PDB file of N, CA and C in Angstrom:
ATOM      1  N   MET A   1       2.351  16.925  11.083  1.00  0.00           N
ATOM      2  CA  MET A   1       2.272  15.766  11.917  1.00  0.00           C
ATOM      3  C   MET A   1       1.121  15.948  12.900  1.00  0.00           C
ATOM      4  N   ALA A   2       0.340  14.947  13.032  1.00  0.00           N
ATOM      5  CA  ALA A   2      -0.802  15.022  13.932  1.00  0.00           C
ATOM      6  C   ALA A   2      -0.362  14.625  15.334  1.00  0.00           C
ATOM      7  N   THR A   3      -0.720  15.427  16.287  1.00  0.00           N
ATOM      8  CA  THR A   3      -0.454  15.124  17.680  1.00  0.00           C
ATOM      9  C   THR A   3      -1.743  15.311  18.452  1.00  0.00           C
ATOM     10  N   THR A   4      -1.792  14.748  19.636  1.00  0.00           N
ATOM     11  CA  THR A   4      -2.991  14.918  20.453  1.00  0.00           C
ATOM     12  C   THR A   4      -2.619  15.598  21.750  1.00  0.00           C
ATOM     13  N   LYS A   5      -3.512  16.445  22.215  1.00  0.00           N
ATOM     14  CA  LYS A   5      -3.341  17.113  23.490  1.00  0.00           C
ATOM     15  C   LYS A   5      -4.557  16.810  24.345  1.00  0.00           C
ATOM     16  N   THR A   6      -4.355  16.635  25.624  1.00  0.00           N
ATOM     17  CA  THR A   6      -5.468  16.390  26.522  1.00  0.00           C
ATOM     18  C   THR A   6      -5.830  17.690  27.211  1.00  0.00           C
ATOM     19  N   LYS A   7      -7.098  18.042  27.116  1.00  0.00           N
ATOM     20  CA  LYS A   7      -7.584  19.269  27.738  1.00  0.00           C
ATOM     21  C   LYS A   7      -8.859  18.935  28.491  1.00  0.00           C
ATOM     22  N   LYS A   8      -8.760  18.877  29.802  1.00  0.00           N
ATOM     23  CA  LYS A   8      -9.892  18.549  30.669  1.00  0.00           C
ATOM     24  C   LYS A   8     -10.576  17.258  30.220  1.00  0.00           C
ATOM     25  N   ASN A   9      -9.794  16.186  30.143  1.00  0.00           N
ATOM     26  CA  ASN A   9     -10.263  14.844  29.804  1.00  0.00           C
ATOM     27  C   ASN A   9     -10.835  14.721  28.392  1.00  0.00           C
ATOM     28  N   LYS A  10     -10.487  15.633  27.501  1.00  0.00           N
ATOM     29  CA  LYS A  10     -10.914  15.535  26.107  1.00  0.00           C
ATOM     30  C   LYS A  10      -9.675  15.479  25.227  1.00  0.00           C
ATOM     31  N   ASP A  11      -9.640  14.511  24.334  1.00  0.00           N
ATOM     32  CA  ASP A  11      -8.538  14.430  23.382  1.00  0.00           C
ATOM     33  C   ASP A  11      -8.843  15.339  22.203  1.00  0.00           C
ATOM     34  N   VAL A  12      -7.922  16.248  21.923  1.00  0.00           N
ATOM     35  CA  VAL A  12      -8.082  17.187  20.827  1.00  0.00           C
ATOM     36  C   VAL A  12      -6.959  16.932  19.832  1.00  0.00           C
ATOM     37  N   ALA A  13      -7.326  16.684  18.586  1.00  0.00           N
ATOM     38  CA  ALA A  13      -6.319  16.448  17.553  1.00  0.00           C
ATOM     39  C   ALA A  13      -5.793  17.786  17.057  1.00  0.00           C
ATOM     40  N   VAL A  14      -4.473  17.932  17.077  1.00  0.00           N
ATOM     41  CA  VAL A  14      -3.832  19.147  16.587  1.00  0.00           C
ATOM     42  C   VAL A  14      -3.097  18.782  15.305  1.00  0.00           C
ATOM     43  N   VAL A  15      -3.449  19.437  14.215  1.00  0.00           N
ATOM     44  CA  VAL A  15      -2.860  19.146  12.913  1.00  0.00           C
ATOM     45  C   VAL A  15      -2.161  20.400  12.423  1.00  0.00           C
ATOM     46  N   ASP A  16      -1.008  20.233  11.756  1.00  0.00           N
ATOM     47  CA  ASP A  16      -0.300  21.380  11.193  1.00  0.00           C
ATOM     48  C   ASP A  16      -1.222  22.144  10.252  1.00  0.00           C
ATOM     49  N   ASP A  17      -1.175  23.474  10.322  1.00  0.00           N
ATOM     50  CA  ASP A  17      -2.020  24.307   9.467  1.00  0.00           C
ATOM     51  C   ASP A  17      -1.752  24.044   7.993  1.00  0.00           C
ATOM     52  N   ALA A  18      -0.486  23.803   7.627  1.00  0.00           N
ATOM     53  CA  ALA A  18      -0.143  23.593   6.219  1.00  0.00           C
ATOM     54  C   ALA A  18      -0.820  22.336   5.679  1.00  0.00           C
ATOM     55  N   LYS A  19      -0.852  21.285   6.486  1.00  0.00           N
ATOM     56  CA  LYS A  19      -1.464  20.045   6.019  1.00  0.00           C
ATOM     57  C   LYS A  19      -2.981  20.144   6.051  1.00  0.00           C
ATOM     58  N   LYS A  20      -3.509  20.800   7.072  1.00  0.00           N
ATOM     59  CA  LYS A  20      -4.960  20.909   7.231  1.00  0.00           C
ATOM     60  C   LYS A  20      -5.578  21.668   6.069  1.00  0.00           C
ATOM     61  N   ALA A  21      -4.975  22.750   5.666  1.00  0.00           N
ATOM     62  CA  ALA A  21      -5.523  23.593   4.606  1.00  0.00           C
ATOM     63  C   ALA A  21      -5.086  23.134   3.223  1.00  0.00           C
ATOM     64  N   LYS A  22      -4.296  22.068   3.145  1.00  0.00           N
ATOM     65  CA  LYS A  22      -3.773  21.575   1.875  1.00  0.00           C
ATOM     66  C   LYS A  22      -2.975  22.652   1.147  1.00  0.00           C
ATOM     67  N   THR A  23      -2.304  23.495   1.899  1.00  0.00           N
ATOM     68  CA  THR A  23      -1.453  24.512   1.302  1.00  0.00           C
ATOM     69  C   THR A  23      -0.108  24.497   2.004  1.00  0.00           C
ATOM     70  N   HIS A  24       0.825  25.181   1.418  1.00  0.00           N
ATOM     71  CA  HIS A  24       2.157  25.300   2.000  1.00  0.00           C
ATOM     72  C   HIS A  24       2.672  26.676   1.615  1.00  0.00           C
ATOM     73  N   PRO A  25       3.427  27.329   2.487  1.00  0.00           N
ATOM     74  CA  PRO A  25       3.891  28.681   2.167  1.00  0.00           C
ATOM     75  C   PRO A  25       4.745  28.770   0.901  1.00  0.00           C
ATOM     76  N   LEU A  26       5.440  27.704   0.534  1.00  0.00           N
ATOM     77  CA  LEU A  26       6.287  27.745  -0.663  1.00  0.00           C
ATOM     78  C   LEU A  26       5.501  27.532  -1.948  1.00  0.00           C
ATOM     79  N   ILE A  27       4.434  26.756  -1.879  1.00  0.00           N
ATOM     80  CA  ILE A  27       3.638  26.442  -3.064  1.00  0.00           C
ATOM     81  C   ILE A  27       2.514  27.467  -3.169  1.00  0.00           C
ATOM     82  N   LYS A  28       2.572  28.312  -4.210  1.00  0.00           N
ATOM     83  CA  LYS A  28       1.526  29.322  -4.401  1.00  0.00           C
ATOM     84  C   LYS A  28       0.260  28.703  -4.966  1.00  0.00           C
ATOM     85  N   GLY A  29       0.407  27.703  -5.801  1.00  0.00           N
ATOM     86  CA  GLY A  29      -0.758  27.060  -6.398  1.00  0.00           C
ATOM     87  C   GLY A  29      -0.370  26.268  -7.629  1.00  0.00           C
ATOM     88  N   VAL A  30      -1.366  25.636  -8.209  1.00  0.00           N
ATOM     89  CA  VAL A  30      -1.155  24.841  -9.414  1.00  0.00           C
ATOM     90  C   VAL A  30      -1.151  25.780 -10.612  1.00  0.00           C
ATOM     91  N   ARG A  31      -0.251  25.538 -11.542  1.00  0.00           N
ATOM     92  CA  ARG A  31      -0.184  26.350 -12.760  1.00  0.00           C
ATOM     93  C   ARG A  31      -1.143  25.744 -13.776  1.00  0.00           C
ATOM     94  N   VAL A  32      -2.181  26.498 -14.125  1.00  0.00           N
ATOM     95  CA  VAL A  32      -3.227  25.995 -15.010  1.00  0.00           C
ATOM     96  C   VAL A  32      -3.000  26.545 -16.417  1.00  0.00           C
ATOM     97  N   THR A  33      -2.386  25.730 -17.262  1.00  0.00           N
ATOM     98  CA  THR A  33      -2.182  26.063 -18.670  1.00  0.00           C
ATOM     99  C   THR A  33      -2.425  24.799 -19.486  1.00  0.00           C
ATOM    100  N   GLU A  34      -2.559  24.968 -20.772  1.00  0.00           N
ATOM    101  CA  GLU A  34      -2.766  23.814 -21.642  1.00  0.00           C
ATOM    102  C   GLU A  34      -1.540  22.902 -21.627  1.00  0.00           C
ATOM    103  N   LYS A  35      -0.374  23.497 -21.647  1.00  0.00           N
ATOM    104  CA  LYS A  35       0.872  22.725 -21.632  1.00  0.00           C
ATOM    105  C   LYS A  35       1.013  21.944 -20.317  1.00  0.00           C
ATOM    106  N   ALA A  36       0.644  22.572 -19.202  1.00  0.00           N
ATOM    107  CA  ALA A  36       0.725  21.907 -17.901  1.00  0.00           C
ATOM    108  C   ALA A  36      -0.279  20.759 -17.810  1.00  0.00           C
ATOM    109  N   ALA A  37      -1.449  20.923 -18.412  1.00  0.00           N
ATOM    110  CA  ALA A  37      -2.460  19.864 -18.401  1.00  0.00           C
ATOM    111  C   ALA A  37      -1.988  18.646 -19.193  1.00  0.00           C
ATOM    112  N   LEU A  38      -1.349  18.884 -20.325  1.00  0.00           N
ATOM    113  CA  LEU A  38      -0.815  17.774 -21.119  1.00  0.00           C
ATOM    114  C   LEU A  38       0.309  17.056 -20.371  1.00  0.00           C
ATOM    115  N   ALA A  39       1.148  17.819 -19.683  1.00  0.00           N
ATOM    116  CA  ALA A  39       2.248  17.217 -18.921  1.00  0.00           C
ATOM    117  C   ALA A  39       1.723  16.418 -17.733  1.00  0.00           C
ATOM    118  N   ALA A  40       0.617  16.862 -17.127  1.00  0.00           N
ATOM    119  CA  ALA A  40       0.050  16.167 -15.970  1.00  0.00           C
ATOM    120  C   ALA A  40      -0.435  14.770 -16.347  1.00  0.00           C
ATOM    121  N   GLU A  41      -0.871  14.594 -17.576  1.00  0.00           N
ATOM    122  CA  GLU A  41      -1.281  13.268 -18.038  1.00  0.00           C
ATOM    123  C   GLU A  41      -0.105  12.298 -18.066  1.00  0.00           C
ATOM    124  N   ARG A  42       1.107  12.838 -18.202  1.00  0.00           N
ATOM    125  CA  ARG A  42       2.313  12.007 -18.243  1.00  0.00           C
ATOM    126  C   ARG A  42       3.022  11.939 -16.895  1.00  0.00           C
ATOM    127  N   GLY A  43       2.411  12.513 -15.845  1.00  0.00           N
ATOM    128  CA  GLY A  43       2.989  12.420 -14.509  1.00  0.00           C
ATOM    129  C   GLY A  43       3.894  13.568 -14.127  1.00  0.00           C
ATOM    130  N   ALA A  44       3.818  14.695 -14.838  1.00  0.00           N
ATOM    131  CA  ALA A  44       4.615  15.883 -14.510  1.00  0.00           C
ATOM    132  C   ALA A  44       3.653  17.014 -14.160  1.00  0.00           C
ATOM    133  N   TYR A  45       3.643  17.430 -12.902  1.00  0.00           N
ATOM    134  CA  TYR A  45       2.707  18.446 -12.426  1.00  0.00           C
ATOM    135  C   TYR A  45       3.440  19.770 -12.232  1.00  0.00           C
ATOM    136  N   THR A  46       2.800  20.867 -12.637  1.00  0.00           N
ATOM    137  CA  THR A  46       3.432  22.182 -12.617  1.00  0.00           C
ATOM    138  C   THR A  46       2.798  23.051 -11.542  1.00  0.00           C
ATOM    139  N   PHE A  47       3.647  23.688 -10.723  1.00  0.00           N
ATOM    140  CA  PHE A  47       3.194  24.539  -9.629  1.00  0.00           C
ATOM    141  C   PHE A  47       3.885  25.894  -9.701  1.00  0.00           C
ATOM    142  N   ASN A  48       3.177  26.947  -9.313  1.00  0.00           N
ATOM    143  CA  ASN A  48       3.804  28.248  -9.093  1.00  0.00           C
ATOM    144  C   ASN A  48       4.371  28.213  -7.684  1.00  0.00           C
ATOM    145  N   VAL A  49       5.626  28.622  -7.524  1.00  0.00           N
ATOM    146  CA  VAL A  49       6.274  28.566  -6.216  1.00  0.00           C
ATOM    147  C   VAL A  49       6.865  29.928  -5.866  1.00  0.00           C
ATOM    148  N   GLU A  50       7.225  30.089  -4.605  1.00  0.00           N
ATOM    149  CA  GLU A  50       7.847  31.330  -4.143  1.00  0.00           C
ATOM    150  C   GLU A  50       9.223  31.489  -4.789  1.00  0.00           C
ATOM    151  N   ASP A  51       9.666  32.734  -4.897  1.00  0.00           N
ATOM    152  CA  ASP A  51      10.942  33.029  -5.554  1.00  0.00           C
ATOM    153  C   ASP A  51      12.149  32.458  -4.808  1.00  0.00           C
ATOM    154  N   ASN A  52      12.029  32.250  -3.496  1.00  0.00           N
ATOM    155  CA  ASN A  52      13.164  31.764  -2.713  1.00  0.00           C
ATOM    156  C   ASN A  52      13.131  30.247  -2.502  1.00  0.00           C
ATOM    157  N   ALA A  53      12.228  29.528  -3.156  1.00  0.00           N
ATOM    158  CA  ALA A  53      12.103  28.078  -2.972  1.00  0.00           C
ATOM    159  C   ALA A  53      13.198  27.341  -3.737  1.00  0.00           C
ATOM    160  N   ASN A  54      13.681  26.242  -3.142  1.00  0.00           N
ATOM    161  CA  ASN A  54      14.641  25.399  -3.853  1.00  0.00           C
ATOM    162  C   ASN A  54      14.059  23.996  -4.027  1.00  0.00           C
ATOM    163  N   LYS A  55      14.765  23.138  -4.748  1.00  0.00           N
ATOM    164  CA  LYS A  55      14.230  21.828  -5.113  1.00  0.00           C
ATOM    165  C   LYS A  55      13.922  20.953  -3.901  1.00  0.00           C
ATOM    166  N   ASN A  56      14.819  20.939  -2.927  1.00  0.00           N
ATOM    167  CA  ASN A  56      14.608  20.093  -1.748  1.00  0.00           C
ATOM    168  C   ASN A  56      13.395  20.545  -0.948  1.00  0.00           C
ATOM    169  N   GLU A  57      13.212  21.850  -0.794  1.00  0.00           N
ATOM    170  CA  GLU A  57      12.056  22.363  -0.063  1.00  0.00           C
ATOM    171  C   GLU A  57      10.760  22.037  -0.792  1.00  0.00           C
ATOM    172  N   ILE A  58      10.776  22.116  -2.117  1.00  0.00           N
ATOM    173  CA  ILE A  58       9.578  21.809  -2.901  1.00  0.00           C
ATOM    174  C   ILE A  58       9.234  20.328  -2.779  1.00  0.00           C
ATOM    175  N   LYS A  59      10.241  19.446  -2.813  1.00  0.00           N
ATOM    176  CA  LYS A  59      10.001  18.011  -2.634  1.00  0.00           C
ATOM    177  C   LYS A  59       9.323  17.740  -1.297  1.00  0.00           C
ATOM    178  N   LYS A  60       9.834  18.364  -0.238  1.00  0.00           N
ATOM    179  CA  LYS A  60       9.258  18.163   1.094  1.00  0.00           C
ATOM    180  C   LYS A  60       7.833  18.697   1.171  1.00  0.00           C
ATOM    181  N   ALA A  61       7.579  19.836   0.529  1.00  0.00           N
ATOM    182  CA  ALA A  61       6.238  20.430   0.550  1.00  0.00           C
ATOM    183  C   ALA A  61       5.238  19.541  -0.189  1.00  0.00           C
ATOM    184  N   ILE A  62       5.622  18.992  -1.332  1.00  0.00           N
ATOM    185  CA  ILE A  62       4.737  18.106  -2.093  1.00  0.00           C
ATOM    186  C   ILE A  62       4.461  16.836  -1.295  1.00  0.00           C
ATOM    187  N   LYS A  63       5.477  16.306  -0.631  1.00  0.00           N
ATOM    188  CA  LYS A  63       5.304  15.118   0.210  1.00  0.00           C
ATOM    189  C   LYS A  63       4.327  15.411   1.347  1.00  0.00           C
ATOM    190  N   LEU A  64       4.435  16.583   1.954  1.00  0.00           N
ATOM    191  CA  LEU A  64       3.559  16.963   3.063  1.00  0.00           C
ATOM    192  C   LEU A  64       2.124  17.174   2.597  1.00  0.00           C
ATOM    193  N   ILE A  65       1.933  17.855   1.483  1.00  0.00           N
ATOM    194  CA  ILE A  65       0.589  18.203   1.026  1.00  0.00           C
ATOM    195  C   ILE A  65      -0.127  17.010   0.393  1.00  0.00           C
ATOM    196  N   TYR A  66       0.539  16.329  -0.544  1.00  0.00           N
ATOM    197  CA  TYR A  66      -0.126  15.297  -1.339  1.00  0.00           C
ATOM    198  C   TYR A  66       0.218  13.865  -0.930  1.00  0.00           C
ATOM    199  N   GLY A  67       1.242  13.675  -0.114  1.00  0.00           N
ATOM    200  CA  GLY A  67       1.577  12.344   0.363  1.00  0.00           C
ATOM    201  C   GLY A  67       2.329  11.475  -0.632  1.00  0.00           C
ATOM    202  N   VAL A  68       2.893  12.061  -1.674  1.00  0.00           N
ATOM    203  CA  VAL A  68       3.713  11.313  -2.637  1.00  0.00           C
ATOM    204  C   VAL A  68       5.081  11.977  -2.731  1.00  0.00           C
ATOM    205  N   MET A  69       6.117  11.140  -2.837  1.00  0.00           N
ATOM    206  CA  MET A  69       7.471  11.673  -2.942  1.00  0.00           C
ATOM    207  C   MET A  69       7.828  11.850  -4.413  1.00  0.00           C
ATOM    208  N   PRO A  70       8.169  13.076  -4.835  1.00  0.00           N
ATOM    209  CA  PRO A  70       8.538  13.301  -6.231  1.00  0.00           C
ATOM    210  C   PRO A  70       9.839  12.598  -6.593  1.00  0.00           C
ATOM    211  N   GLU A  71       9.912  12.113  -7.825  1.00  0.00           N
ATOM    212  CA  GLU A  71      11.130  11.487  -8.327  1.00  0.00           C
ATOM    213  C   GLU A  71      12.184  12.550  -8.609  1.00  0.00           C
ATOM    214  N   ARG A  72      11.752  13.661  -9.236  1.00  0.00           N
ATOM    215  CA  ARG A  72      12.657  14.791  -9.461  1.00  0.00           C
ATOM    216  C   ARG A  72      11.838  16.061  -9.609  1.00  0.00           C
ATOM    217  N   VAL A  73      12.521  17.188  -9.443  1.00  0.00           N
ATOM    218  CA  VAL A  73      11.891  18.505  -9.539  1.00  0.00           C
ATOM    219  C   VAL A  73      12.779  19.390 -10.402  1.00  0.00           C
ATOM    220  N   THR A  74      12.177  20.095 -11.351  1.00  0.00           N
ATOM    221  CA  THR A  74      12.911  21.100 -12.110  1.00  0.00           C
ATOM    222  C   THR A  74      12.271  22.458 -11.851  1.00  0.00           C
ATOM    223  N   ILE A  75      13.112  23.484 -11.795  1.00  0.00           N
ATOM    224  CA  ILE A  75      12.647  24.836 -11.499  1.00  0.00           C
ATOM    225  C   ILE A  75      12.998  25.739 -12.675  1.00  0.00           C
ATOM    226  N   THR A  76      12.051  26.596 -13.048  1.00  0.00           N
ATOM    227  CA  THR A  76      12.250  27.534 -14.147  1.00  0.00           C
ATOM    228  C   THR A  76      11.855  28.925 -13.696  1.00  0.00           C
ATOM    229  N   GLN A  77      12.651  29.896 -14.076  1.00  0.00           N
ATOM    230  CA  GLN A  77      12.352  31.300 -13.793  1.00  0.00           C
ATOM    231  C   GLN A  77      11.386  31.813 -14.855  1.00  0.00           C
ATOM    232  N   ILE A  78      10.317  32.474 -14.458  1.00  0.00           N
ATOM    233  CA  ILE A  78       9.377  33.079 -15.401  1.00  0.00           C
ATOM    234  C   ILE A  78       9.787  34.536 -15.558  1.00  0.00           C
ATOM    235  N   THR A  79      10.055  34.951 -16.785  1.00  0.00           N
ATOM    236  CA  THR A  79      10.535  36.314 -17.015  1.00  0.00           C
ATOM    237  C   THR A  79       9.386  37.315 -16.945  1.00  0.00           C
ATOM    238  N   THR A  80       9.730  38.563 -16.633  1.00  0.00           N
ATOM    239  CA  THR A  80       8.727  39.627 -16.650  1.00  0.00           C
ATOM    240  C   THR A  80       8.389  39.951 -18.101  1.00  0.00           C
ATOM    241  N   LYS A  81       7.150  40.354 -18.331  1.00  0.00           N
ATOM    242  CA  LYS A  81       6.714  40.652 -19.692  1.00  0.00           C
ATOM    243  C   LYS A  81       6.165  42.068 -19.755  1.00  0.00           C
ATOM    244  N   LYS A  82       6.448  42.747 -20.862  1.00  0.00           N
ATOM    245  CA  LYS A  82       5.971  44.112 -21.046  1.00  0.00           C
ATOM    246  C   LYS A  82       4.529  44.078 -21.538  1.00  0.00           C
ATOM    247  N   VAL A  83       3.662  44.903 -20.938  1.00  0.00           N
ATOM    248  CA  VAL A  83       2.268  45.005 -21.356  1.00  0.00           C
ATOM    249  C   VAL A  83       1.922  46.471 -21.574  1.00  0.00           C
ATOM    250  N   VAL A  84       0.951  46.716 -22.445  1.00  0.00           N
ATOM    251  CA  VAL A  84       0.496  48.080 -22.705  1.00  0.00           C
ATOM    252  C   VAL A  84      -0.996  48.138 -22.399  1.00  0.00           C
ATOM    253  N   ARG A  85      -1.376  49.031 -21.493  1.00  0.00           N
ATOM    254  CA  ARG A  85      -2.780  49.233 -21.150  1.00  0.00           C
ATOM    255  C   ARG A  85      -3.099  50.710 -21.211  1.00  0.00           C
ATOM    256  N   ARG A  86      -4.104  51.033 -21.991  1.00  0.00           N
ATOM    257  CA  ARG A  86      -4.541  52.424 -22.139  1.00  0.00           C
ATOM    258  C   ARG A  86      -3.385  53.341 -22.518  1.00  0.00           C
ATOM    259  N   GLY A  87      -2.511  52.845 -23.357  1.00  0.00           N
ATOM    260  CA  GLY A  87      -1.404  53.648 -23.846  1.00  0.00           C
ATOM    261  C   GLY A  87      -0.223  53.748 -22.906  1.00  0.00           C
ATOM    262  N   LYS A  88      -0.303  53.116 -21.745  1.00  0.00           N
ATOM    263  CA  LYS A  88       0.807  53.175 -20.787  1.00  0.00           C
ATOM    264  C   LYS A  88       1.519  51.835 -20.753  1.00  0.00           C
ATOM    265  N   ILE A  89       2.828  51.894 -20.641  1.00  0.00           N
ATOM    266  CA  ILE A  89       3.639  50.683 -20.606  1.00  0.00           C
ATOM    267  C   ILE A  89       3.814  50.248 -19.158  1.00  0.00           C
ATOM    268  N   GLY A  90       3.614  48.962 -18.937  1.00  0.00           N
ATOM    269  CA  GLY A  90       3.806  48.387 -17.615  1.00  0.00           C
ATOM    270  C   GLY A  90       4.462  47.027 -17.756  1.00  0.00           C
ATOM    271  N   TYR A  91       4.616  46.339 -16.646  1.00  0.00           N
ATOM    272  CA  TYR A  91       5.255  45.031 -16.657  1.00  0.00           C
ATOM    273  C   TYR A  91       4.440  44.041 -15.848  1.00  0.00           C
ATOM    274  N   LYS A  92       4.313  42.815 -16.397  1.00  0.00           N
ATOM    275  CA  LYS A  92       3.733  41.710 -15.654  1.00  0.00           C
ATOM    276  C   LYS A  92       4.836  41.131 -14.789  1.00  0.00           C
ATOM    277  N   LYS A  93       4.521  40.847 -13.558  1.00  0.00           N
ATOM    278  CA  LYS A  93       5.515  40.271 -12.664  1.00  0.00           C
ATOM    279  C   LYS A  93       5.851  38.856 -13.122  1.00  0.00           C
ATOM    280  N   GLY A  94       7.093  38.519 -13.064  1.00  0.00           N
ATOM    281  CA  GLY A  94       7.534  37.171 -13.401  1.00  0.00           C
ATOM    282  C   GLY A  94       7.295  36.251 -12.221  1.00  0.00           C
ATOM    283  N   GLY A  95       8.189  35.342 -11.991  1.00  0.00           N
ATOM    284  CA  GLY A  95       8.053  34.437 -10.863  1.00  0.00           C
ATOM    285  C   GLY A  95       8.895  33.199 -11.067  1.00  0.00           C
ATOM    286  N   LYS A  96       8.439  32.124 -10.446  1.00  0.00           N
ATOM    287  CA  LYS A  96       9.156  30.866 -10.507  1.00  0.00           C
ATOM    288  C   LYS A  96       8.132  29.746 -10.609  1.00  0.00           C
ATOM    289  N   LYS A  97       8.419  28.753 -11.441  1.00  0.00           N
ATOM    290  CA  LYS A  97       7.542  27.591 -11.511  1.00  0.00           C
ATOM    291  C   LYS A  97       8.370  26.334 -11.313  1.00  0.00           C
ATOM    292  N   ALA A  98       7.732  25.329 -10.760  1.00  0.00           N
ATOM    293  CA  ALA A  98       8.394  24.058 -10.521  1.00  0.00           C
ATOM    294  C   ALA A  98       7.605  22.959 -11.210  1.00  0.00           C
ATOM    295  N   VAL A  99       8.311  22.094 -11.918  1.00  0.00           N
ATOM    296  CA  VAL A  99       7.692  20.920 -12.527  1.00  0.00           C
ATOM    297  C   VAL A  99       8.102  19.723 -11.685  1.00  0.00           C
ATOM    298  N   VAL A 100       7.103  19.030 -11.144  1.00  0.00           N
ATOM    299  CA  VAL A 100       7.322  17.904 -10.237  1.00  0.00           C
ATOM    300  C   VAL A 100       7.024  16.615 -10.992  1.00  0.00           C
ATOM    301  N   TYR A 101       8.010  15.744 -11.095  1.00  0.00           N
ATOM    302  CA  TYR A 101       7.861  14.472 -11.794  1.00  0.00           C
ATOM    303  C   TYR A 101       7.647  13.373 -10.762  1.00  0.00           C
ATOM    304  N   LEU A 102       6.602  12.563 -10.978  1.00  0.00           N
ATOM    305  CA  LEU A 102       6.286  11.473 -10.061  1.00  0.00           C
ATOM    306  C   LEU A 102       6.664  10.135 -10.675  1.00  0.00           C
ATOM    307  N   LYS A 103       6.790   9.122  -9.810  1.00  0.00           N
ATOM    308  CA  LYS A 103       7.062   7.772 -10.291  1.00  0.00           C
ATOM    309  C   LYS A 103       5.843   7.253 -11.046  1.00  0.00           C
ATOM    310  N   LYS A 104       6.058   6.295 -11.901  1.00  0.00           N
ATOM    311  CA  LYS A 104       4.961   5.717 -12.671  1.00  0.00           C
ATOM    312  C   LYS A 104       3.958   5.086 -11.696  1.00  0.00           C
ATOM    313  N   GLY A 105       2.701   5.416 -11.866  1.00  0.00           N
ATOM    314  CA  GLY A 105       1.657   4.884 -10.988  1.00  0.00           C
ATOM    315  C   GLY A 105       1.217   5.862  -9.914  1.00  0.00           C
ATOM    316  N   ASP A 106       2.073   6.817  -9.546  1.00  0.00           N
ATOM    317  CA  ASP A 106       1.695   7.840  -8.568  1.00  0.00           C
ATOM    318  C   ASP A 106       0.898   8.936  -9.260  1.00  0.00           C
ATOM    319  N   LYS A 107      -0.081   9.482  -8.550  1.00  0.00           N
ATOM    320  CA  LYS A 107      -0.895  10.558  -9.106  1.00  0.00           C
ATOM    321  C   LYS A 107      -1.169  11.590  -8.032  1.00  0.00           C
ATOM    322  N   ILE A 108      -1.399  12.816  -8.478  1.00  0.00           N
ATOM    323  CA  ILE A 108      -1.833  13.899  -7.599  1.00  0.00           C
ATOM    324  C   ILE A 108      -3.217  14.311  -8.076  1.00  0.00           C
ATOM    325  N   THR A 109      -4.171  14.357  -7.157  1.00  0.00           N
ATOM    326  CA  THR A 109      -5.516  14.787  -7.508  1.00  0.00           C
ATOM    327  C   THR A 109      -5.610  16.284  -7.296  1.00  0.00           C
ATOM    328  N   ILE A 110      -5.820  17.013  -8.386  1.00  0.00           N
ATOM    329  CA  ILE A 110      -5.913  18.466  -8.326  1.00  0.00           C
ATOM    330  C   ILE A 110      -7.334  18.856  -8.686  1.00  0.00           C
ATOM    331  N   ALA A 111      -7.992  19.539  -7.749  1.00  0.00           N
ATOM    332  CA  ALA A 111      -9.389  19.940  -7.988  1.00  0.00           C
ATOM    333  C   ALA A 111      -9.461  21.334  -8.540  1.00  0.00           C
TER     334      ALA A 111
END
């Protein structure tokens, strides 16, 4: 929310850091995959989110960042995957992804 403060007869606009930087602590970023790109054409946008995020918090974050209210949100757990590098076994960290569905006509511009 934008507010103004007066400092020695100068109006200074104070904007929330989350809105100013177009980021939010719960939203890690846009998930860039071929499947996500195809879904975005149909109005379903995919984001990587924090492990402790829930649907209501994600809806509020999308509304704050992009200015559109999602119609619904689905959350999926990403499983850890085993990888082998130089003969040693390791694991890729899993995570959480959220698919945000918008009303017909609404769009999110992702650069």
